[in-house]
PDB file of N, CA and C in Angstrom:
ATOM      1  N   UNK A   1     -20.437 -18.559  -1.347  1.00  0.00           N
ATOM      2  CA  UNK A   1     -19.286 -18.627  -1.928  1.00  0.00           C
ATOM      3  C   UNK A   1     -19.367 -19.691  -3.158  1.00  0.00           C
ATOM      4  N   UNK A   2     -20.121 -20.811  -3.064  1.00  0.00           N
ATOM      5  CA  UNK A   2     -20.196 -21.663  -4.030  1.00  0.00           C
ATOM      6  C   UNK A   2     -20.976 -21.165  -5.174  1.00  0.00           C
ATOM      7  N   UNK A   3     -21.992 -20.416  -4.858  1.00  0.00           N
ATOM      8  CA  UNK A   3     -22.670 -19.697  -6.040  1.00  0.00           C
ATOM      9  C   UNK A   3     -21.702 -18.834  -6.787  1.00  0.00           C
ATOM     10  N   UNK A   4     -20.892 -18.083  -6.041  1.00  0.00           N
ATOM     11  CA  UNK A   4     -19.892 -17.223  -6.917  1.00  0.00           C
ATOM     12  C   UNK A   4     -18.997 -17.932  -7.805  1.00  0.00           C
ATOM     13  N   UNK A   5     -18.415 -18.992  -7.200  1.00  0.00           N
ATOM     14  CA  UNK A   5     -17.540 -19.889  -7.949  1.00  0.00           C
ATOM     15  C   UNK A   5     -18.156 -20.418  -9.199  1.00  0.00           C
ATOM     16  N   UNK A   6     -19.433 -20.911  -8.877  1.00  0.00           N
ATOM     17  CA  UNK A   6     -20.142 -21.556 -10.129  1.00  0.00           C
ATOM     18  C   UNK A   6     -20.405 -20.473 -11.151  1.00  0.00           C
ATOM     19  N   UNK A   7     -20.874 -19.219 -10.733  1.00  0.00           N
ATOM     20  CA  UNK A   7     -21.036 -18.043 -11.671  1.00  0.00           C
ATOM     21  C   UNK A   7     -19.921 -17.824 -12.547  1.00  0.00           C
ATOM     22  N   UNK A   8     -18.734 -17.824 -11.779  1.00  0.00           N
ATOM     23  CA  UNK A   8     -17.444 -17.544 -12.406  1.00  0.00           C
ATOM     24  C   UNK A   8     -16.839 -18.729 -13.274  1.00  0.00           C
ATOM     25  N   UNK A   9     -17.529 -19.968 -13.208  1.00  0.00           N
ATOM     26  CA  UNK A   9     -17.007 -20.977 -13.908  1.00  0.00           C
ATOM     27  C   UNK A   9     -15.818 -21.711 -13.294  1.00  0.00           C
ATOM     28  N   UNK A  10     -15.553 -21.486 -12.033  1.00  0.00           N
ATOM     29  CA  UNK A  10     -14.491 -22.132 -11.325  1.00  0.00           C
ATOM     30  C   UNK A  10     -14.818 -23.555 -10.824  1.00  0.00           C
ATOM     31  N   UNK A  11     -14.188 -24.440 -11.188  1.00  0.00           N
ATOM     32  CA  UNK A  11     -14.555 -25.902 -10.572  1.00  0.00           C
ATOM     33  C   UNK A  11     -13.360 -26.345  -9.762  1.00  0.00           C
ATOM     34  N   UNK A  12     -13.657 -26.552  -8.438  1.00  0.00           N
ATOM     35  CA  UNK A  12     -12.536 -27.059  -7.585  1.00  0.00           C
ATOM     36  C   UNK A  12     -12.692 -28.495  -7.523  1.00  0.00           C
ATOM     37  N   UNK A  13     -11.791 -29.274  -8.144  1.00  0.00           N
ATOM     38  CA  UNK A  13     -11.680 -30.815  -8.113  1.00  0.00           C
ATOM     39  C   UNK A  13     -10.262 -31.214  -8.250  1.00  0.00           C
ATOM     40  N   UNK A  14     -10.210 -32.430  -8.066  1.00  0.00           N
ATOM     41  CA  UNK A  14      -8.897 -33.283  -8.225  1.00  0.00           C
ATOM     42  C   UNK A  14      -8.574 -33.174  -9.649  1.00  0.00           C
ATOM     43  N   UNK A  15      -9.439 -33.301 -10.539  1.00  0.00           N
ATOM     44  CA  UNK A  15      -9.213 -33.355 -12.074  1.00  0.00           C
ATOM     45  C   UNK A  15      -8.546 -32.062 -12.455  1.00  0.00           C
ATOM     46  N   UNK A  16      -9.206 -30.913 -12.025  1.00  0.00           N
ATOM     47  CA  UNK A  16      -8.822 -29.683 -12.375  1.00  0.00           C
ATOM     48  C   UNK A  16      -7.582 -29.223 -11.788  1.00  0.00           C
ATOM     49  N   UNK A  17      -7.280 -29.464 -10.606  1.00  0.00           N
ATOM     50  CA  UNK A  17      -6.033 -28.834  -9.924  1.00  0.00           C
ATOM     51  C   UNK A  17      -4.946 -29.916  -9.865  1.00  0.00           C
ATOM     52  N   UNK A  18      -5.158 -31.098  -9.908  1.00  0.00           N
ATOM     53  CA  UNK A  18      -3.916 -31.879  -9.820  1.00  0.00           C
ATOM     54  C   UNK A  18      -3.643 -32.447 -11.356  1.00  0.00           C
ATOM     55  N   UNK A  19      -4.604 -32.779 -12.024  1.00  0.00           N
ATOM     56  CA  UNK A  19      -4.288 -33.326 -13.406  1.00  0.00           C
ATOM     57  C   UNK A  19      -4.011 -32.287 -14.472  1.00  0.00           C
ATOM     58  N   UNK A  20      -5.055 -31.379 -14.623  1.00  0.00           N
ATOM     59  CA  UNK A  20      -4.963 -30.263 -15.580  1.00  0.00           C
ATOM     60  C   UNK A  20      -3.891 -29.202 -15.325  1.00  0.00           C
ATOM     61  N   UNK A  21      -3.919 -28.736 -14.098  1.00  0.00           N
ATOM     62  CA  UNK A  21      -2.805 -27.733 -13.724  1.00  0.00           C
ATOM     63  C   UNK A  21      -1.555 -28.202 -13.926  1.00  0.00           C
ATOM     64  N   UNK A  22      -1.098 -29.488 -13.503  1.00  0.00           N
ATOM     65  CA  UNK A  22       0.136 -30.035 -13.579  1.00  0.00           C
ATOM     66  C   UNK A  22       0.416 -30.330 -15.005  1.00  0.00           C
ATOM     67  N   UNK A  23      -0.413 -30.772 -15.778  1.00  0.00           N
ATOM     68  CA  UNK A  23      -0.182 -31.018 -17.185  1.00  0.00           C
ATOM     69  C   UNK A  23       0.131 -29.733 -17.927  1.00  0.00           C
ATOM     70  N   UNK A  24      -0.583 -28.619 -17.686  1.00  0.00           N
ATOM     71  CA  UNK A  24      -0.280 -27.482 -18.307  1.00  0.00           C
ATOM     72  C   UNK A  24       1.014 -26.772 -17.749  1.00  0.00           C
ATOM     73  N   UNK A  25       1.443 -27.037 -16.390  1.00  0.00           N
ATOM     74  CA  UNK A  25       2.714 -26.789 -15.858  1.00  0.00           C
ATOM     75  C   UNK A  25       3.810 -27.287 -16.691  1.00  0.00           C
ATOM     76  N   UNK A  26       3.655 -28.510 -17.071  1.00  0.00           N
ATOM     77  CA  UNK A  26       4.655 -29.240 -17.762  1.00  0.00           C
ATOM     78  C   UNK A  26       4.728 -28.694 -19.170  1.00  0.00           C
ATOM     79  N   UNK A  27       3.710 -28.254 -19.720  1.00  0.00           N
ATOM     80  CA  UNK A  27       3.891 -27.753 -21.210  1.00  0.00           C
ATOM     81  C   UNK A  27       4.463 -26.259 -21.070  1.00  0.00           C
ATOM     82  N   UNK A  28       4.133 -25.473 -20.089  1.00  0.00           N
ATOM     83  CA  UNK A  28       4.849 -24.186 -19.816  1.00  0.00           C
ATOM     84  C   UNK A  28       6.382 -24.388 -19.693  1.00  0.00           C
ATOM     85  N   UNK A  29       6.647 -25.397 -18.867  1.00  0.00           N
ATOM     86  CA  UNK A  29       8.138 -25.583 -18.637  1.00  0.00           C
ATOM     87  C   UNK A  29       8.716 -26.117 -19.974  1.00  0.00           C
ATOM     88  N   UNK A  30       8.021 -27.039 -20.620  1.00  0.00           N
ATOM     89  CA  UNK A  30       8.700 -27.381 -22.025  1.00  0.00           C
ATOM     90  C   UNK A  30       8.757 -26.359 -23.049  1.00  0.00           C
ATOM     91  N   UNK A  31       7.768 -25.407 -23.031  1.00  0.00           N
ATOM     92  CA  UNK A  31       7.750 -24.441 -24.020  1.00  0.00           C
ATOM     93  C   UNK A  31       9.032 -23.364 -23.786  1.00  0.00           C
ATOM     94  N   UNK A  32       9.355 -23.257 -22.555  1.00  0.00           N
ATOM     95  CA  UNK A  32      10.525 -22.270 -22.268  1.00  0.00           C
ATOM     96  C   UNK A  32      11.741 -22.931 -21.924  1.00  0.00           C
ATOM     97  N   UNK A  33      11.850 -23.595 -20.821  1.00  0.00           N
ATOM     98  CA  UNK A  33      13.224 -24.119 -20.296  1.00  0.00           C
ATOM     99  C   UNK A  33      13.689 -25.174 -21.344  1.00  0.00           C
ATOM    100  N   UNK A  34      13.106 -26.155 -21.852  1.00  0.00           N
ATOM    101  CA  UNK A  34      13.595 -27.125 -22.572  1.00  0.00           C
ATOM    102  C   UNK A  34      13.860 -26.723 -23.947  1.00  0.00           C
ATOM    103  N   UNK A  35      12.960 -25.925 -24.507  1.00  0.00           N
ATOM    104  CA  UNK A  35      13.143 -25.399 -25.979  1.00  0.00           C
ATOM    105  C   UNK A  35      14.417 -24.332 -25.847  1.00  0.00           C
ATOM    106  N   UNK A  36      14.461 -23.706 -24.717  1.00  0.00           N
ATOM    107  CA  UNK A  36      15.556 -22.811 -24.600  1.00  0.00           C
ATOM    108  C   UNK A  36      17.054 -23.485 -24.554  1.00  0.00           C
ATOM    109  N   UNK A  37      16.898 -24.533 -23.738  1.00  0.00           N
ATOM    110  CA  UNK A  37      18.173 -25.315 -23.780  1.00  0.00           C
ATOM    111  C   UNK A  37      18.601 -25.979 -25.234  1.00  0.00           C
ATOM    112  N   UNK A  38      17.565 -26.309 -25.962  1.00  0.00           N
ATOM    113  CA  UNK A  38      17.744 -26.864 -27.239  1.00  0.00           C
ATOM    114  C   UNK A  38      18.332 -25.751 -28.255  1.00  0.00           C
ATOM    115  N   UNK A  39      17.692 -24.660 -28.179  1.00  0.00           N
ATOM    116  CA  UNK A  39      18.236 -23.467 -28.884  1.00  0.00           C
ATOM    117  C   UNK A  39      19.600 -23.031 -28.630  1.00  0.00           C
ATOM    118  N   UNK A  40      19.916 -23.084 -27.356  1.00  0.00           N
ATOM    119  CA  UNK A  40      21.245 -22.691 -26.896  1.00  0.00           C
ATOM    120  C   UNK A  40      22.179 -23.616 -27.352  1.00  0.00           C
ATOM    121  N   UNK A  41      21.887 -25.088 -27.322  1.00  0.00           N
ATOM    122  CA  UNK A  41      22.760 -26.166 -27.682  1.00  0.00           C
ATOM    123  C   UNK A  41      23.097 -26.059 -29.185  1.00  0.00           C
ATOM    124  N   UNK A  42      22.007 -25.706 -30.064  1.00  0.00           N
ATOM    125  CA  UNK A  42      22.311 -25.601 -31.357  1.00  0.00           C
ATOM    126  C   UNK A  42      23.194 -24.473 -31.456  1.00  0.00           C
ATOM    127  N   UNK A  43      23.090 -23.441 -30.996  1.00  0.00           N
ATOM    128  CA  UNK A  43      23.989 -22.315 -31.185  1.00  0.00           C
ATOM    129  C   UNK A  43      25.353 -22.489 -30.840  1.00  0.00           C
ATOM    130  N   UNK A  44      25.553 -23.259 -29.815  1.00  0.00           N
ATOM    131  CA  UNK A  44      26.949 -23.507 -29.462  1.00  0.00           C
ATOM    132  C   UNK A  44      27.582 -24.782 -30.173  1.00  0.00           C
ATOM    133  N   UNK A  45      26.832 -25.783 -30.649  1.00  0.00           N
ATOM    134  CA  UNK A  45      27.441 -26.867 -31.220  1.00  0.00           C
ATOM    135  C   UNK A  45      27.394 -26.910 -32.692  1.00  0.00           C
ATOM    136  N   UNK A  46      26.553 -26.123 -33.381  1.00  0.00           N
ATOM    137  CA  UNK A  46      26.508 -26.368 -34.780  1.00  0.00           C
ATOM    138  C   UNK A  46      27.445 -25.217 -35.397  1.00  0.00           C
ATOM    139  N   UNK A  47      28.296 -25.729 -36.333  1.00  0.00           N
ATOM    140  CA  UNK A  47      29.328 -24.596 -36.807  1.00  0.00           C
ATOM    141  C   UNK A  47      28.593 -23.608 -37.613  1.00  0.00           C
ATOM    142  N   UNK A  48      28.931 -22.418 -37.470  1.00  0.00           N
ATOM    143  CA  UNK A  48      28.407 -21.170 -38.275  1.00  0.00           C
ATOM    144  C   UNK A  48      26.955 -20.993 -37.890  1.00  0.00           C
ATOM    145  N   UNK A  49      26.542 -21.467 -36.683  1.00  0.00           N
ATOM    146  CA  UNK A  49      25.145 -21.087 -36.403  1.00  0.00           C
ATOM    147  C   UNK A  49      25.236 -19.679 -35.703  1.00  0.00           C
ATOM    148  N   UNK A  50      24.213 -18.805 -35.934  1.00  0.00           N
ATOM    149  CA  UNK A  50      24.155 -17.472 -35.595  1.00  0.00           C
ATOM    150  C   UNK A  50      24.271 -17.375 -34.013  1.00  0.00           C
ATOM    151  N   UNK A  51      24.891 -16.227 -33.638  1.00  0.00           N
ATOM    152  CA  UNK A  51      25.094 -16.038 -32.156  1.00  0.00           C
ATOM    153  C   UNK A  51      23.804 -15.773 -31.458  1.00  0.00           C
ATOM    154  N   UNK A  52      22.749 -15.345 -32.259  1.00  0.00           N
ATOM    155  CA  UNK A  52      21.461 -15.092 -31.568  1.00  0.00           C
ATOM    156  C   UNK A  52      21.011 -16.460 -30.875  1.00  0.00           C
ATOM    157  N   UNK A  53      21.331 -17.545 -31.461  1.00  0.00           N
ATOM    158  CA  UNK A  53      20.696 -18.756 -30.870  1.00  0.00           C
ATOM    159  C   UNK A  53      21.257 -18.886 -29.432  1.00  0.00           C
ATOM    160  N   UNK A  54      22.485 -18.749 -29.114  1.00  0.00           N
ATOM    161  CA  UNK A  54      22.931 -18.816 -27.942  1.00  0.00           C
ATOM    162  C   UNK A  54      22.421 -17.826 -26.828  1.00  0.00           C
ATOM    163  N   UNK A  55      22.273 -16.525 -27.467  1.00  0.00           N
ATOM    164  CA  UNK A  55      21.688 -15.460 -26.631  1.00  0.00           C
ATOM    165  C   UNK A  55      20.175 -15.775 -26.372  1.00  0.00           C
ATOM    166  N   UNK A  56      19.428 -16.034 -27.317  1.00  0.00           N
ATOM    167  CA  UNK A  56      17.947 -16.342 -27.080  1.00  0.00           C
ATOM    168  C   UNK A  56      17.734 -17.551 -26.258  1.00  0.00           C
ATOM    169  N   UNK A  57      18.559 -18.598 -26.460  1.00  0.00           N
ATOM    170  CA  UNK A  57      18.419 -19.783 -25.598  1.00  0.00           C
ATOM    171  C   UNK A  57      18.884 -19.537 -24.174  1.00  0.00           C
ATOM    172  N   UNK A  58      19.861 -18.750 -23.957  1.00  0.00           N
ATOM    173  CA  UNK A  58      20.263 -18.197 -22.613  1.00  0.00           C
ATOM    174  C   UNK A  58      19.173 -17.488 -21.893  1.00  0.00           C
ATOM    175  N   UNK A  59      18.546 -16.712 -22.703  1.00  0.00           N
ATOM    176  CA  UNK A  59      17.422 -15.857 -22.019  1.00  0.00           C
ATOM    177  C   UNK A  59      16.263 -16.860 -21.626  1.00  0.00           C
ATOM    178  N   UNK A  60      15.979 -17.813 -22.488  1.00  0.00           N
ATOM    179  CA  UNK A  60      14.777 -18.554 -22.341  1.00  0.00           C
ATOM    180  C   UNK A  60      14.903 -19.404 -21.038  1.00  0.00           C
ATOM    181  N   UNK A  61      16.173 -19.739 -20.685  1.00  0.00           N
ATOM    182  CA  UNK A  61      16.196 -20.532 -19.440  1.00  0.00           C
ATOM    183  C   UNK A  61      16.589 -19.903 -18.179  1.00  0.00           C
ATOM    184  N   UNK A  62      16.391 -18.519 -18.198  1.00  0.00           N
ATOM    185  CA  UNK A  62      16.497 -17.864 -16.926  1.00  0.00           C
ATOM    186  C   UNK A  62      15.204 -18.087 -16.141  1.00  0.00           C
ATOM    187  N   UNK A  63      15.304 -17.964 -14.760  1.00  0.00           N
ATOM    188  CA  UNK A  63      14.173 -18.318 -13.794  1.00  0.00           C
ATOM    189  C   UNK A  63      12.822 -17.427 -14.244  1.00  0.00           C
ATOM    190  N   UNK A  64      13.179 -16.168 -14.310  1.00  0.00           N
ATOM    191  CA  UNK A  64      11.982 -15.190 -14.536  1.00  0.00           C
ATOM    192  C   UNK A  64      11.052 -15.500 -15.769  1.00  0.00           C
ATOM    193  N   UNK A  65      11.845 -16.117 -16.764  1.00  0.00           N
ATOM    194  CA  UNK A  65      11.226 -16.318 -18.144  1.00  0.00           C
ATOM    195  C   UNK A  65      10.408 -17.632 -17.972  1.00  0.00           C
ATOM    196  N   UNK A  66      11.042 -18.697 -17.565  1.00  0.00           N
ATOM    197  CA  UNK A  66      10.329 -19.987 -17.613  1.00  0.00           C
ATOM    198  C   UNK A  66       9.356 -20.005 -16.469  1.00  0.00           C
ATOM    199  N   UNK A  67       9.570 -19.135 -15.372  1.00  0.00           N
ATOM    200  CA  UNK A  67       8.439 -19.096 -14.229  1.00  0.00           C
ATOM    201  C   UNK A  67       7.228 -18.365 -14.758  1.00  0.00           C
ATOM    202  N   UNK A  68       7.376 -17.376 -15.570  1.00  0.00           N
ATOM    203  CA  UNK A  68       6.316 -16.760 -16.137  1.00  0.00           C
ATOM    204  C   UNK A  68       5.445 -17.518 -17.093  1.00  0.00           C
ATOM    205  N   UNK A  69       6.312 -18.480 -17.955  1.00  0.00           N
ATOM    206  CA  UNK A  69       5.656 -19.213 -19.015  1.00  0.00           C
ATOM    207  C   UNK A  69       4.817 -20.379 -18.218  1.00  0.00           C
ATOM    208  N   UNK A  70       5.333 -20.771 -17.100  1.00  0.00           N
ATOM    209  CA  UNK A  70       4.633 -21.694 -16.283  1.00  0.00           C
ATOM    210  C   UNK A  70       3.306 -21.204 -15.810  1.00  0.00           C
ATOM    211  N   UNK A  71       3.504 -19.923 -15.293  1.00  0.00           N
ATOM    212  CA  UNK A  71       2.310 -19.180 -14.754  1.00  0.00           C
ATOM    213  C   UNK A  71       1.162 -19.014 -15.761  1.00  0.00           C
ATOM    214  N   UNK A  72       1.578 -18.580 -16.904  1.00  0.00           N
ATOM    215  CA  UNK A  72       0.568 -18.414 -17.967  1.00  0.00           C
ATOM    216  C   UNK A  72       0.010 -19.764 -18.453  1.00  0.00           C
ATOM    217  N   UNK A  73       0.713 -20.660 -18.586  1.00  0.00           N
ATOM    218  CA  UNK A  73       0.323 -22.022 -19.040  1.00  0.00           C
ATOM    219  C   UNK A  73      -0.770 -22.529 -17.964  1.00  0.00           C
ATOM    220  N   UNK A  74      -0.407 -22.563 -16.765  1.00  0.00           N
ATOM    221  CA  UNK A  74      -1.427 -22.854 -15.810  1.00  0.00           C
ATOM    222  C   UNK A  74      -2.835 -22.190 -15.746  1.00  0.00           C
ATOM    223  N   UNK A  75      -2.701 -20.820 -15.923  1.00  0.00           N
ATOM    224  CA  UNK A  75      -3.782 -19.996 -16.005  1.00  0.00           C
ATOM    225  C   UNK A  75      -4.594 -20.351 -17.223  1.00  0.00           C
ATOM    226  N   UNK A  76      -3.927 -20.545 -18.182  1.00  0.00           N
ATOM    227  CA  UNK A  76      -4.677 -20.934 -19.529  1.00  0.00           C
ATOM    228  C   UNK A  76      -5.344 -22.224 -19.437  1.00  0.00           C
ATOM    229  N   UNK A  77      -4.708 -23.256 -18.840  1.00  0.00           N
ATOM    230  CA  UNK A  77      -5.225 -24.563 -18.539  1.00  0.00           C
ATOM    231  C   UNK A  77      -6.434 -24.532 -17.718  1.00  0.00           C
ATOM    232  N   UNK A  78      -6.426 -23.628 -16.780  1.00  0.00           N
ATOM    233  CA  UNK A  78      -7.644 -23.604 -15.746  1.00  0.00           C
ATOM    234  C   UNK A  78      -8.737 -22.638 -16.332  1.00  0.00           C
ATOM    235  N   UNK A  79      -8.543 -22.144 -17.604  1.00  0.00           N
ATOM    236  CA  UNK A  79      -9.481 -21.215 -18.183  1.00  0.00           C
ATOM    237  C   UNK A  79      -9.636 -19.899 -17.490  1.00  0.00           C
ATOM    238  N   UNK A  80      -8.588 -19.308 -17.031  1.00  0.00           N
ATOM    239  CA  UNK A  80      -8.601 -18.155 -16.341  1.00  0.00           C
ATOM    240  C   UNK A  80      -8.931 -16.904 -17.282  1.00  0.00           C
ATOM    241  N   UNK A  81      -9.540 -15.915 -16.711  1.00  0.00           N
ATOM    242  CA  UNK A  81      -9.875 -14.717 -17.566  1.00  0.00           C
ATOM    243  C   UNK A  81      -8.629 -13.994 -17.871  1.00  0.00           C
ATOM    244  N   UNK A  82      -8.587 -13.029 -18.920  1.00  0.00           N
ATOM    245  CA  UNK A  82      -7.369 -12.564 -19.414  1.00  0.00           C
ATOM    246  C   UNK A  82      -6.621 -11.801 -18.242  1.00  0.00           C
ATOM    247  N   UNK A  83      -7.328 -10.948 -17.394  1.00  0.00           N
ATOM    248  CA  UNK A  83      -6.600 -10.161 -16.351  1.00  0.00           C
ATOM    249  C   UNK A  83      -5.873 -11.254 -15.390  1.00  0.00           C
ATOM    250  N   UNK A  84      -6.589 -12.378 -15.156  1.00  0.00           N
ATOM    251  CA  UNK A  84      -5.844 -13.282 -14.258  1.00  0.00           C
ATOM    252  C   UNK A  84      -4.675 -13.886 -14.876  1.00  0.00           C
ATOM    253  N   UNK A  85      -4.653 -14.137 -16.151  1.00  0.00           N
ATOM    254  CA  UNK A  85      -3.687 -14.688 -16.992  1.00  0.00           C
ATOM    255  C   UNK A  85      -2.533 -13.749 -16.891  1.00  0.00           C
ATOM    256  N   UNK A  86      -2.699 -12.482 -17.086  1.00  0.00           N
ATOM    257  CA  UNK A  86      -1.609 -11.590 -17.220  1.00  0.00           C
ATOM    258  C   UNK A  86      -1.032 -11.375 -15.815  1.00  0.00           C
ATOM    259  N   UNK A  87      -1.731 -11.459 -14.726  1.00  0.00           N
ATOM    260  CA  UNK A  87      -1.105 -11.386 -13.372  1.00  0.00           C
ATOM    261  C   UNK A  87      -0.440 -12.658 -13.060  1.00  0.00           C
ATOM    262  N   UNK A  88      -0.804 -13.768 -13.690  1.00  0.00           N
ATOM    263  CA  UNK A  88      -0.062 -14.981 -13.445  1.00  0.00           C
ATOM    264  C   UNK A  88       1.239 -15.031 -14.178  1.00  0.00           C
ATOM    265  N   UNK A  89       1.527 -14.195 -15.145  1.00  0.00           N
ATOM    266  CA  UNK A  89       2.709 -14.045 -15.758  1.00  0.00           C
ATOM    267  C   UNK A  89       3.724 -13.326 -14.811  1.00  0.00           C
ATOM    268  N   UNK A  90       3.356 -12.380 -14.341  1.00  0.00           N
ATOM    269  CA  UNK A  90       4.146 -11.671 -13.323  1.00  0.00           C
ATOM    270  C   UNK A  90       4.374 -12.416 -11.951  1.00  0.00           C
ATOM    271  N   UNK A  91       3.381 -13.085 -11.591  1.00  0.00           N
ATOM    272  CA  UNK A  91       3.491 -13.914 -10.314  1.00  0.00           C
ATOM    273  C   UNK A  91       4.569 -15.133 -10.577  1.00  0.00           C
ATOM    274  N   UNK A  92       4.342 -15.718 -11.753  1.00  0.00           N
ATOM    275  CA  UNK A  92       5.286 -16.850 -12.193  1.00  0.00           C
ATOM    276  C   UNK A  92       6.600 -16.377 -12.227  1.00  0.00           C
ATOM    277  N   UNK A  93       6.819 -15.185 -12.889  1.00  0.00           N
ATOM    278  CA  UNK A  93       8.108 -14.650 -13.070  1.00  0.00           C
ATOM    279  C   UNK A  93       8.791 -14.285 -11.773  1.00  0.00           C
ATOM    280  N   UNK A  94       8.111 -13.684 -10.953  1.00  0.00           N
ATOM    281  CA  UNK A  94       8.606 -13.366  -9.465  1.00  0.00           C
ATOM    282  C   UNK A  94       8.981 -14.618  -8.821  1.00  0.00           C
ATOM    283  N   UNK A  95       8.222 -15.609  -8.882  1.00  0.00           N
ATOM    284  CA  UNK A  95       8.531 -16.945  -8.178  1.00  0.00           C
ATOM    285  C   UNK A  95       9.634 -17.802  -8.873  1.00  0.00           C
ATOM    286  N   UNK A  96       9.795 -17.505 -10.089  1.00  0.00           N
ATOM    287  CA  UNK A  96      10.795 -18.248 -10.753  1.00  0.00           C
ATOM    288  C   UNK A  96      12.270 -17.510 -10.711  1.00  0.00           C
ATOM    289  N   UNK A  97      12.158 -16.132 -10.399  1.00  0.00           N
ATOM    290  CA  UNK A  97      13.487 -15.457 -10.378  1.00  0.00           C
ATOM    291  C   UNK A  97      14.192 -15.876  -9.119  1.00  0.00           C
ATOM    292  N   UNK A  98      15.483 -16.046  -9.244  1.00  0.00           N
ATOM    293  CA  UNK A  98      16.274 -16.459  -8.105  1.00  0.00           C
ATOM    294  C   UNK A  98      16.410 -15.525  -6.909  1.00  0.00           C
TER     295      UNK A  98
END
């Protein structure tokens, strides 16, 4: 098993799974949920702002969207291959959906 993980470039360590994964999780959360709230607030508070701001911001703060963003960010941070990254999108969306 150790040879397989080494061949695939998987490193199981505190640094990789506690520090790196949680750091990229925060980036995924920021990229979707927090930016979505900011865009939605701009759409509601700024006079003559296009209605698309409210709609796009509301979409970005849905659980399925920010869950998928977190899943992809963590997979990217752990240097996952593309197929794993794509499946992390759907796994994160499923887990983030209410």
